Amino acid sequence: MVVAEPGMTVEIRRRSARESDERLREIAIAAKAHWGYPRERVIEWASKGDFSAETLGQLEIWVAEAGRNIAGWASLAPGDEVAWLEDLWVDPRWMRQGVGSALFAAVANESRRRGAVRMEWEAEPDAIGFYRRMGGRDLRDSPTTEWGRVLRIMGVDLRG
């Protein structure tokens, strides 16, 4: 539980069937556009399949629920020793209120519970500071053709 503002708490829980894929996509679009990416390009990016029902159905998804609204979400592709954090998106209205940290902790704890010794992810450049505060370390570079840049693969040791 995260207290985001007086009288408002945020609950981190597994996604239920009632949460629509569209709401998850909306949050991802709003979060990416928040960092200055052109909204039209972000919408095009979001329509390419990463947020389709088929793709999302292959992931384990946690949501941050504030009242009756989803304030953010994270998805995990579990692995044996290394779990992959596929997504972590927070609605810009909820950024810097502990929602992202709570989501990160939830997927890290689940990965650890399943026996993973490390969790890795591809870091959005504007989120690197956040991930470093979560204990993330730079592991390697990952070139991407979609946005024409090199992203960092980061990771956190789950043993400690």
N, C-alpha and C. Protein backbone atom coordinates (compact mmCIF):
# COMPACT_ATOMS: atom_id res chain seq x y z
N MET A 1 0.84 -1.17 0.00
CA MET A 1 0.00 0.00 0.00
C MET A 1 0.89 1.24 0.00
N VAL A 2 0.52 2.23 -0.79
CA VAL A 2 1.22 3.51 -0.90
C VAL A 2 0.24 4.61 -0.55
N VAL A 3 0.62 5.53 0.31
CA VAL A 3 -0.23 6.69 0.57
C VAL A 3 0.25 7.79 -0.36
N ALA A 4 -0.53 8.07 -1.38
CA ALA A 4 -0.12 9.01 -2.40
C ALA A 4 -0.49 10.44 -2.06
N GLU A 5 -1.57 10.62 -1.37
CA GLU A 5 -2.00 11.94 -0.94
C GLU A 5 -2.90 11.72 0.27
N PRO A 6 -3.14 12.74 1.08
CA PRO A 6 -3.96 12.53 2.27
C PRO A 6 -5.30 11.87 1.93
N GLY A 7 -5.57 10.76 2.60
CA GLY A 7 -6.84 10.07 2.39
C GLY A 7 -6.88 9.16 1.18
N MET A 8 -5.83 9.13 0.35
CA MET A 8 -5.85 8.30 -0.86
C MET A 8 -4.73 7.29 -0.77
N THR A 9 -5.07 6.04 -0.84
CA THR A 9 -4.05 4.99 -0.85
C THR A 9 -4.06 4.30 -2.20
N VAL A 10 -2.93 3.71 -2.52
CA VAL A 10 -2.77 2.97 -3.76
C VAL A 10 -2.47 1.53 -3.39
N GLU A 11 -3.24 0.63 -3.94
CA GLU A 11 -3.04 -0.80 -3.69
C GLU A 11 -2.36 -1.43 -4.90
N ILE A 12 -1.31 -2.21 -4.66
CA ILE A 12 -0.63 -2.95 -5.72
C ILE A 12 -1.17 -4.37 -5.67
N ARG A 13 -1.67 -4.83 -6.79
CA ARG A 13 -2.24 -6.18 -6.85
C ARG A 13 -2.11 -6.73 -8.25
N ARG A 14 -2.30 -8.04 -8.38
CA ARG A 14 -2.32 -8.67 -9.70
C ARG A 14 -3.50 -8.12 -10.49
N ARG A 15 -3.30 -7.99 -11.76
CA ARG A 15 -4.36 -7.52 -12.65
C ARG A 15 -5.49 -8.53 -12.68
N SER A 16 -6.70 -8.04 -12.67
CA SER A 16 -7.86 -8.91 -12.79
C SER A 16 -8.42 -8.79 -14.20
N ALA A 17 -9.32 -9.67 -14.54
CA ALA A 17 -9.90 -9.68 -15.88
C ALA A 17 -10.69 -8.41 -16.19
N ARG A 18 -11.08 -7.68 -15.16
CA ARG A 18 -11.89 -6.48 -15.41
C ARG A 18 -11.08 -5.28 -15.90
N GLU A 19 -9.76 -5.29 -15.73
CA GLU A 19 -8.94 -4.19 -16.23
C GLU A 19 -8.72 -4.35 -17.72
N SER A 20 -9.09 -3.33 -18.45
CA SER A 20 -8.99 -3.43 -19.91
C SER A 20 -7.57 -3.19 -20.40
N ASP A 21 -7.25 -3.85 -21.51
CA ASP A 21 -5.97 -3.60 -22.17
C ASP A 21 -5.88 -2.14 -22.59
N GLU A 22 -7.01 -1.54 -22.94
CA GLU A 22 -7.00 -0.16 -23.40
C GLU A 22 -6.52 0.79 -22.30
N ARG A 23 -6.93 0.57 -21.07
CA ARG A 23 -6.48 1.45 -19.98
C ARG A 23 -4.97 1.32 -19.78
N LEU A 24 -4.45 0.11 -19.90
CA LEU A 24 -3.00 -0.07 -19.78
C LEU A 24 -2.28 0.68 -20.89
N ARG A 25 -2.80 0.57 -22.11
CA ARG A 25 -2.22 1.27 -23.26
C ARG A 25 -2.28 2.79 -23.05
N GLU A 26 -3.41 3.29 -22.55
CA GLU A 26 -3.55 4.74 -22.30
C GLU A 26 -2.49 5.24 -21.33
N ILE A 27 -2.24 4.46 -20.29
CA ILE A 27 -1.23 4.87 -19.30
C ILE A 27 0.15 4.89 -19.94
N ALA A 28 0.47 3.87 -20.73
CA ALA A 28 1.78 3.83 -21.40
C ALA A 28 1.94 5.02 -22.34
N ILE A 29 0.92 5.34 -23.09
CA ILE A 29 0.97 6.48 -24.02
C ILE A 29 1.17 7.78 -23.24
N ALA A 30 0.38 7.98 -22.19
CA ALA A 30 0.49 9.22 -21.41
C ALA A 30 1.88 9.34 -20.77
N ALA A 31 2.40 8.22 -20.25
CA ALA A 31 3.71 8.26 -19.60
C ALA A 31 4.82 8.58 -20.59
N LYS A 32 4.80 7.93 -21.76
CA LYS A 32 5.85 8.17 -22.75
C LYS A 32 5.75 9.60 -23.29
N ALA A 33 4.54 10.06 -23.57
CA ALA A 33 4.35 11.43 -24.07
C ALA A 33 4.78 12.45 -23.01
N HIS A 34 4.64 12.11 -21.75
CA HIS A 34 5.05 13.00 -20.65
C HIS A 34 6.53 13.37 -20.76
N TRP A 35 7.34 12.45 -21.31
CA TRP A 35 8.78 12.70 -21.42
C TRP A 35 9.15 13.45 -22.69
N GLY A 36 8.16 14.00 -23.38
CA GLY A 36 8.45 14.88 -24.51
C GLY A 36 8.43 14.22 -25.88
N TYR A 37 8.10 12.96 -25.95
CA TYR A 37 7.97 12.31 -27.25
C TYR A 37 6.72 12.83 -27.93
N PRO A 38 6.74 13.02 -29.25
CA PRO A 38 5.55 13.50 -29.95
C PRO A 38 4.38 12.52 -29.77
N ARG A 39 3.25 13.03 -29.31
CA ARG A 39 2.10 12.19 -28.99
C ARG A 39 1.67 11.32 -30.16
N GLU A 40 1.66 11.86 -31.38
CA GLU A 40 1.24 11.08 -32.55
C GLU A 40 2.17 9.87 -32.75
N ARG A 41 3.44 10.08 -32.56
CA ARG A 41 4.41 8.98 -32.72
C ARG A 41 4.26 7.95 -31.61
N VAL A 42 3.97 8.42 -30.41
CA VAL A 42 3.76 7.51 -29.28
C VAL A 42 2.51 6.65 -29.53
N ILE A 43 1.46 7.25 -30.03
CA ILE A 43 0.23 6.50 -30.33
C ILE A 43 0.52 5.44 -31.39
N GLU A 44 1.26 5.81 -32.42
CA GLU A 44 1.64 4.85 -33.46
C GLU A 44 2.46 3.71 -32.86
N TRP A 45 3.44 4.04 -32.02
CA TRP A 45 4.27 3.04 -31.35
C TRP A 45 3.41 2.08 -30.54
N ALA A 46 2.45 2.63 -29.80
CA ALA A 46 1.61 1.81 -28.92
C ALA A 46 0.67 0.90 -29.70
N SER A 47 0.44 1.21 -30.96
CA SER A 47 -0.49 0.40 -31.75
C SER A 47 0.20 -0.77 -32.45
N LYS A 48 1.52 -0.91 -32.29
CA LYS A 48 2.27 -1.93 -33.04
C LYS A 48 2.28 -3.31 -32.41
N GLY A 49 1.59 -3.54 -31.34
CA GLY A 49 1.48 -4.90 -30.84
C GLY A 49 1.97 -5.15 -29.44
N ASP A 50 2.84 -4.27 -28.90
CA ASP A 50 3.34 -4.51 -27.53
C ASP A 50 2.21 -4.51 -26.50
N PHE A 51 1.12 -3.83 -26.81
CA PHE A 51 0.02 -3.72 -25.86
C PHE A 51 -1.24 -4.42 -26.36
N SER A 52 -1.07 -5.35 -27.28
CA SER A 52 -2.21 -6.13 -27.77
C SER A 52 -2.64 -7.12 -26.70
N ALA A 53 -3.88 -7.59 -26.81
CA ALA A 53 -4.39 -8.58 -25.86
C ALA A 53 -3.52 -9.83 -25.88
N GLU A 54 -3.07 -10.22 -27.06
CA GLU A 54 -2.24 -11.42 -27.19
C GLU A 54 -0.91 -11.25 -26.45
N THR A 55 -0.24 -10.12 -26.66
CA THR A 55 1.05 -9.87 -26.01
C THR A 55 0.88 -9.72 -24.50
N LEU A 56 -0.08 -8.92 -24.08
CA LEU A 56 -0.30 -8.71 -22.65
C LEU A 56 -0.73 -10.01 -21.97
N GLY A 57 -1.43 -10.86 -22.70
CA GLY A 57 -1.87 -12.13 -22.13
C GLY A 57 -0.73 -13.08 -21.81
N GLN A 58 0.44 -12.85 -22.36
CA GLN A 58 1.61 -13.70 -22.10
C GLN A 58 2.43 -13.21 -20.91
N LEU A 59 2.04 -12.08 -20.35
CA LEU A 59 2.79 -11.47 -19.25
C LEU A 59 2.01 -11.53 -17.95
N GLU A 60 2.73 -11.45 -16.85
CA GLU A 60 2.09 -11.30 -15.55
C GLU A 60 2.04 -9.81 -15.27
N ILE A 61 0.86 -9.32 -14.96
CA ILE A 61 0.66 -7.87 -14.84
C ILE A 61 0.19 -7.53 -13.44
N TRP A 62 0.81 -6.49 -12.87
CA TRP A 62 0.40 -5.92 -11.61
C TRP A 62 -0.10 -4.52 -11.90
N VAL A 63 -1.12 -4.10 -11.16
CA VAL A 63 -1.65 -2.75 -11.31
C VAL A 63 -1.58 -2.02 -9.98
N ALA A 64 -1.49 -0.70 -10.08
CA ALA A 64 -1.57 0.18 -8.93
C ALA A 64 -2.95 0.81 -8.99
N GLU A 65 -3.79 0.45 -8.04
CA GLU A 65 -5.17 0.93 -8.04
C GLU A 65 -5.33 2.04 -7.01
N ALA A 66 -5.80 3.18 -7.46
CA ALA A 66 -6.07 4.33 -6.60
C ALA A 66 -7.57 4.58 -6.65
N GLY A 67 -8.25 4.25 -5.57
CA GLY A 67 -9.71 4.32 -5.62
C GLY A 67 -10.20 3.28 -6.60
N ARG A 68 -10.89 3.72 -7.61
CA ARG A 68 -11.36 2.79 -8.65
C ARG A 68 -10.60 2.98 -9.95
N ASN A 69 -9.49 3.70 -9.89
CA ASN A 69 -8.71 3.99 -11.09
C ASN A 69 -7.36 3.30 -11.06
N ILE A 70 -6.90 2.90 -12.24
CA ILE A 70 -5.57 2.33 -12.37
C ILE A 70 -4.59 3.49 -12.56
N ALA A 71 -3.63 3.62 -11.64
CA ALA A 71 -2.66 4.71 -11.67
C ALA A 71 -1.35 4.31 -12.35
N GLY A 72 -1.12 3.02 -12.51
CA GLY A 72 0.10 2.53 -13.14
C GLY A 72 0.05 1.03 -13.24
N TRP A 73 1.03 0.49 -13.95
CA TRP A 73 1.08 -0.97 -14.09
C TRP A 73 2.48 -1.42 -14.45
N ALA A 74 2.74 -2.67 -14.15
CA ALA A 74 4.02 -3.29 -14.49
C ALA A 74 3.75 -4.70 -14.99
N SER A 75 4.60 -5.16 -15.90
CA SER A 75 4.45 -6.53 -16.39
C SER A 75 5.78 -7.25 -16.30
N LEU A 76 5.68 -8.53 -16.08
CA LEU A 76 6.84 -9.37 -15.84
C LEU A 76 6.77 -10.60 -16.74
N ALA A 77 7.90 -10.89 -17.37
CA ALA A 77 8.06 -12.15 -18.11
C ALA A 77 9.00 -12.99 -17.25
N PRO A 78 8.43 -13.87 -16.44
CA PRO A 78 9.28 -14.64 -15.52
C PRO A 78 10.28 -15.52 -16.27
N GLY A 79 11.41 -15.68 -15.67
CA GLY A 79 12.43 -16.58 -16.20
C GLY A 79 12.89 -17.48 -15.08
N ASP A 80 13.83 -18.34 -15.39
CA ASP A 80 14.34 -19.23 -14.35
C ASP A 80 15.19 -18.43 -13.36
N GLU A 81 16.40 -18.09 -13.76
CA GLU A 81 17.27 -17.33 -12.87
C GLU A 81 17.16 -15.82 -13.10
N VAL A 82 16.75 -15.42 -14.31
CA VAL A 82 16.64 -14.00 -14.63
C VAL A 82 15.21 -13.71 -15.07
N ALA A 83 14.54 -12.85 -14.33
CA ALA A 83 13.20 -12.40 -14.69
C ALA A 83 13.34 -11.13 -15.53
N TRP A 84 12.40 -10.90 -16.42
CA TRP A 84 12.44 -9.74 -17.30
C TRP A 84 11.28 -8.80 -16.99
N LEU A 85 11.59 -7.58 -16.56
CA LEU A 85 10.59 -6.55 -16.35
C LEU A 85 10.27 -5.96 -17.72
N GLU A 86 9.15 -6.33 -18.26
CA GLU A 86 8.77 -5.92 -19.61
C GLU A 86 8.25 -4.48 -19.64
N ASP A 87 7.45 -4.12 -18.66
CA ASP A 87 6.82 -2.79 -18.63
C ASP A 87 6.77 -2.27 -17.21
N LEU A 88 6.87 -0.96 -17.08
CA LEU A 88 6.54 -0.27 -15.85
C LEU A 88 6.12 1.14 -16.25
N TRP A 89 4.83 1.39 -16.16
CA TRP A 89 4.27 2.66 -16.60
C TRP A 89 3.42 3.27 -15.49
N VAL A 90 3.57 4.56 -15.28
CA VAL A 90 2.79 5.27 -14.27
C VAL A 90 2.12 6.47 -14.95
N ASP A 91 0.83 6.60 -14.70
CA ASP A 91 0.08 7.76 -15.19
C ASP A 91 0.80 9.02 -14.68
N PRO A 92 1.08 9.99 -15.55
CA PRO A 92 1.83 11.18 -15.12
C PRO A 92 1.24 11.89 -13.90
N ARG A 93 -0.08 11.82 -13.71
CA ARG A 93 -0.69 12.44 -12.53
C ARG A 93 -0.25 11.77 -11.24
N TRP A 94 0.30 10.55 -11.35
CA TRP A 94 0.70 9.79 -10.17
C TRP A 94 2.21 9.64 -10.05
N MET A 95 2.95 10.24 -10.96
CA MET A 95 4.40 10.14 -10.88
C MET A 95 4.93 10.87 -9.65
N ARG A 96 6.03 10.36 -9.11
CA ARG A 96 6.71 10.93 -7.95
C ARG A 96 5.87 10.85 -6.67
N GLN A 97 5.02 9.83 -6.61
CA GLN A 97 4.20 9.62 -5.41
C GLN A 97 4.36 8.20 -4.87
N GLY A 98 5.38 7.49 -5.32
CA GLY A 98 5.65 6.16 -4.79
C GLY A 98 5.01 5.02 -5.55
N VAL A 99 4.22 5.33 -6.58
CA VAL A 99 3.53 4.29 -7.33
C VAL A 99 4.52 3.42 -8.10
N GLY A 100 5.45 4.04 -8.81
CA GLY A 100 6.45 3.28 -9.57
C GLY A 100 7.32 2.42 -8.66
N SER A 101 7.73 2.97 -7.53
CA SER A 101 8.55 2.21 -6.58
C SER A 101 7.79 1.01 -6.05
N ALA A 102 6.51 1.19 -5.74
CA ALA A 102 5.70 0.08 -5.23
C ALA A 102 5.51 -1.00 -6.30
N LEU A 103 5.28 -0.60 -7.53
CA LEU A 103 5.16 -1.58 -8.62
C LEU A 103 6.47 -2.34 -8.82
N PHE A 104 7.58 -1.61 -8.82
CA PHE A 104 8.88 -2.24 -8.99
C PHE A 104 9.12 -3.26 -7.88
N ALA A 105 8.83 -2.87 -6.65
CA ALA A 105 9.02 -3.78 -5.51
C ALA A 105 8.15 -5.02 -5.66
N ALA A 106 6.92 -4.86 -6.13
CA ALA A 106 6.02 -6.00 -6.27
C ALA A 106 6.55 -7.02 -7.27
N VAL A 107 7.02 -6.55 -8.44
CA VAL A 107 7.52 -7.51 -9.43
C VAL A 107 8.87 -8.09 -9.02
N ALA A 108 9.69 -7.31 -8.33
CA ALA A 108 10.97 -7.84 -7.83
C ALA A 108 10.71 -8.92 -6.78
N ASN A 109 9.77 -8.68 -5.88
CA ASN A 109 9.44 -9.67 -4.86
C ASN A 109 8.87 -10.94 -5.47
N GLU A 110 8.02 -10.79 -6.48
CA GLU A 110 7.46 -11.97 -7.14
C GLU A 110 8.56 -12.75 -7.86
N SER A 111 9.47 -12.05 -8.50
CA SER A 111 10.59 -12.71 -9.18
C SER A 111 11.44 -13.48 -8.18
N ARG A 112 11.74 -12.85 -7.07
CA ARG A 112 12.53 -13.49 -6.01
C ARG A 112 11.80 -14.72 -5.47
N ARG A 113 10.50 -14.59 -5.23
CA ARG A 113 9.70 -15.69 -4.72
C ARG A 113 9.75 -16.90 -5.64
N ARG A 114 9.84 -16.65 -6.94
CA ARG A 114 9.89 -17.72 -7.93
C ARG A 114 11.29 -18.28 -8.15
N GLY A 115 12.27 -17.73 -7.46
CA GLY A 115 13.61 -18.26 -7.54
C GLY A 115 14.57 -17.52 -8.46
N ALA A 116 14.14 -16.40 -9.03
CA ALA A 116 15.06 -15.62 -9.86
C ALA A 116 16.12 -14.97 -8.97
N VAL A 117 17.33 -14.89 -9.47
CA VAL A 117 18.41 -14.24 -8.73
C VAL A 117 18.67 -12.83 -9.24
N ARG A 118 18.09 -12.51 -10.40
CA ARG A 118 18.28 -11.18 -10.98
C ARG A 118 17.04 -10.83 -11.79
N MET A 119 16.73 -9.54 -11.82
CA MET A 119 15.67 -9.03 -12.69
C MET A 119 16.33 -8.01 -13.62
N GLU A 120 16.01 -8.09 -14.90
CA GLU A 120 16.58 -7.18 -15.90
C GLU A 120 15.45 -6.49 -16.65
N TRP A 121 15.81 -5.38 -17.32
CA TRP A 121 14.86 -4.63 -18.11
C TRP A 121 15.61 -3.70 -19.05
N GLU A 122 14.90 -3.24 -20.07
CA GLU A 122 15.41 -2.25 -21.00
C GLU A 122 14.91 -0.90 -20.49
N ALA A 123 15.83 0.00 -20.17
CA ALA A 123 15.49 1.24 -19.49
C ALA A 123 15.25 2.40 -20.45
N GLU A 124 14.08 2.99 -20.34
CA GLU A 124 13.77 4.24 -21.00
C GLU A 124 14.76 5.28 -20.47
N PRO A 125 15.43 6.05 -21.34
CA PRO A 125 16.45 7.00 -20.86
C PRO A 125 15.96 7.94 -19.76
N ASP A 126 14.72 8.40 -19.85
CA ASP A 126 14.21 9.33 -18.85
C ASP A 126 13.92 8.65 -17.51
N ALA A 127 13.93 7.32 -17.47
CA ALA A 127 13.65 6.59 -16.23
C ALA A 127 14.91 6.01 -15.58
N ILE A 128 16.06 6.26 -16.14
CA ILE A 128 17.29 5.66 -15.60
C ILE A 128 17.52 6.09 -14.15
N GLY A 129 17.29 7.35 -13.84
CA GLY A 129 17.45 7.81 -12.45
C GLY A 129 16.54 7.05 -11.50
N PHE A 130 15.31 6.85 -11.90
CA PHE A 130 14.37 6.07 -11.08
C PHE A 130 14.90 4.67 -10.86
N TYR A 131 15.33 4.01 -11.94
CA TYR A 131 15.80 2.63 -11.82
C TYR A 131 17.07 2.54 -10.96
N ARG A 132 17.92 3.54 -11.03
CA ARG A 132 19.11 3.54 -10.17
C ARG A 132 18.71 3.66 -8.70
N ARG A 133 17.68 4.47 -8.43
CA ARG A 133 17.19 4.57 -7.05
C ARG A 133 16.60 3.24 -6.58
N MET A 134 16.13 2.42 -7.50
CA MET A 134 15.59 1.10 -7.16
C MET A 134 16.70 0.06 -6.99
N GLY A 135 17.96 0.48 -7.18
CA GLY A 135 19.09 -0.43 -7.04
C GLY A 135 19.59 -0.98 -8.36
N GLY A 136 19.01 -0.53 -9.48
CA GLY A 136 19.41 -1.01 -10.80
C GLY A 136 20.82 -0.60 -11.16
N ARG A 137 21.49 -1.48 -11.87
CA ARG A 137 22.85 -1.24 -12.37
C ARG A 137 22.88 -1.45 -13.86
N ASP A 138 23.74 -0.68 -14.54
CA ASP A 138 23.91 -0.84 -15.99
C ASP A 138 24.56 -2.18 -16.28
N LEU A 139 24.01 -2.93 -17.24
CA LEU A 139 24.57 -4.23 -17.62
C LEU A 139 25.15 -4.22 -19.03
N ARG A 140 24.40 -3.69 -19.98
CA ARG A 140 24.84 -3.68 -21.38
C ARG A 140 23.93 -2.74 -22.17
N ASP A 141 24.33 -2.48 -23.42
CA ASP A 141 23.54 -1.64 -24.30
C ASP A 141 22.67 -2.50 -25.21
N SER A 142 21.55 -1.92 -25.64
CA SER A 142 20.62 -2.59 -26.54
C SER A 142 20.20 -1.60 -27.62
N PRO A 143 20.74 -1.73 -28.84
CA PRO A 143 20.32 -0.83 -29.91
C PRO A 143 18.86 -1.10 -30.27
N THR A 144 18.12 -0.06 -30.57
CA THR A 144 16.73 -0.21 -30.98
C THR A 144 16.51 0.56 -32.28
N THR A 145 15.84 -0.05 -33.20
CA THR A 145 15.56 0.62 -34.46
C THR A 145 14.29 1.45 -34.38
N GLU A 146 13.43 1.11 -33.44
CA GLU A 146 12.14 1.79 -33.34
C GLU A 146 12.28 3.29 -33.08
N TRP A 147 13.15 3.67 -32.17
CA TRP A 147 13.32 5.08 -31.84
C TRP A 147 14.70 5.59 -32.25
N GLY A 148 15.51 4.73 -32.89
CA GLY A 148 16.81 5.14 -33.37
C GLY A 148 17.79 5.54 -32.29
N ARG A 149 17.90 4.73 -31.27
CA ARG A 149 18.78 5.05 -30.15
C ARG A 149 19.29 3.76 -29.52
N VAL A 150 20.16 3.92 -28.58
CA VAL A 150 20.67 2.78 -27.81
C VAL A 150 20.10 2.88 -26.41
N LEU A 151 19.48 1.81 -25.97
CA LEU A 151 18.92 1.77 -24.62
C LEU A 151 19.83 0.96 -23.71
N ARG A 152 19.75 1.22 -22.43
CA ARG A 152 20.52 0.45 -21.46
C ARG A 152 19.69 -0.73 -20.97
N ILE A 153 20.35 -1.86 -20.89
CA ILE A 153 19.77 -2.99 -20.17
C ILE A 153 20.29 -2.84 -18.75
N MET A 154 19.36 -2.78 -17.83
CA MET A 154 19.73 -2.64 -16.42
C MET A 154 19.28 -3.89 -15.68
N GLY A 155 19.79 -4.06 -14.49
CA GLY A 155 19.39 -5.20 -13.69
C GLY A 155 19.58 -4.94 -12.22
N VAL A 156 18.92 -5.77 -11.44
CA VAL A 156 19.04 -5.68 -9.99
C VAL A 156 19.21 -7.10 -9.45
N ASP A 157 20.12 -7.24 -8.53
CA ASP A 157 20.37 -8.52 -7.87
C ASP A 157 19.24 -8.74 -6.86
N LEU A 158 18.59 -9.89 -6.95
CA LEU A 158 17.47 -10.19 -6.06
C LEU A 158 17.86 -11.03 -4.85
N ARG A 159 19.13 -11.36 -4.73
CA ARG A 159 19.55 -12.22 -3.63
C ARG A 159 19.73 -11.50 -2.32
N GLY A 160 19.93 -10.18 -2.36
CA GLY A 160 20.27 -9.46 -1.14
C GLY A 160 19.17 -8.78 -0.44
